Amino acid sequence: MAKASNDRITIDLFADEKSRGRPKTNPLSRKDQLLINKRNQIKRDKAKGLKRIELKVEAELFNTLNDLAALHNVSRGQIIESILVTQINAMELPSNIRSSDEIELATTQR
């Protein structure tokens, strides 16, 4: 009887040595699982109309953002988005860039 490589039910059926603990339930390595999960998250975000921004900051600023997020019971990303929207609304924008009303409307619709 041959065992299929994608068989998730009988993963250790033909294992020579028994391992302790919970049996492996996913045939993929942890690294591959993380890649797939990240790809799925990006697809979900894209379907919601969200775009990714990568940002590198000093540890002190990072900790401050975490503290603010915990204080207001929101995610760090929501804190950053709120700060960006506030700053953009406070700036004078050229006519070819979206107006602050459009930016405010876009953020409240989510």
Foldseek 3Di string as FASTA:
>chain_A
DDDDLQDQPPNCVPPPDDDDDDDDRGSDDPVVVVVVVVVVVVVVCVVVVHDDDDDDDDPVVVVVLVVVCVVVVHDSVVVVLVVVLVVVQPDDDPPVDDHNVVVVVVVVVD
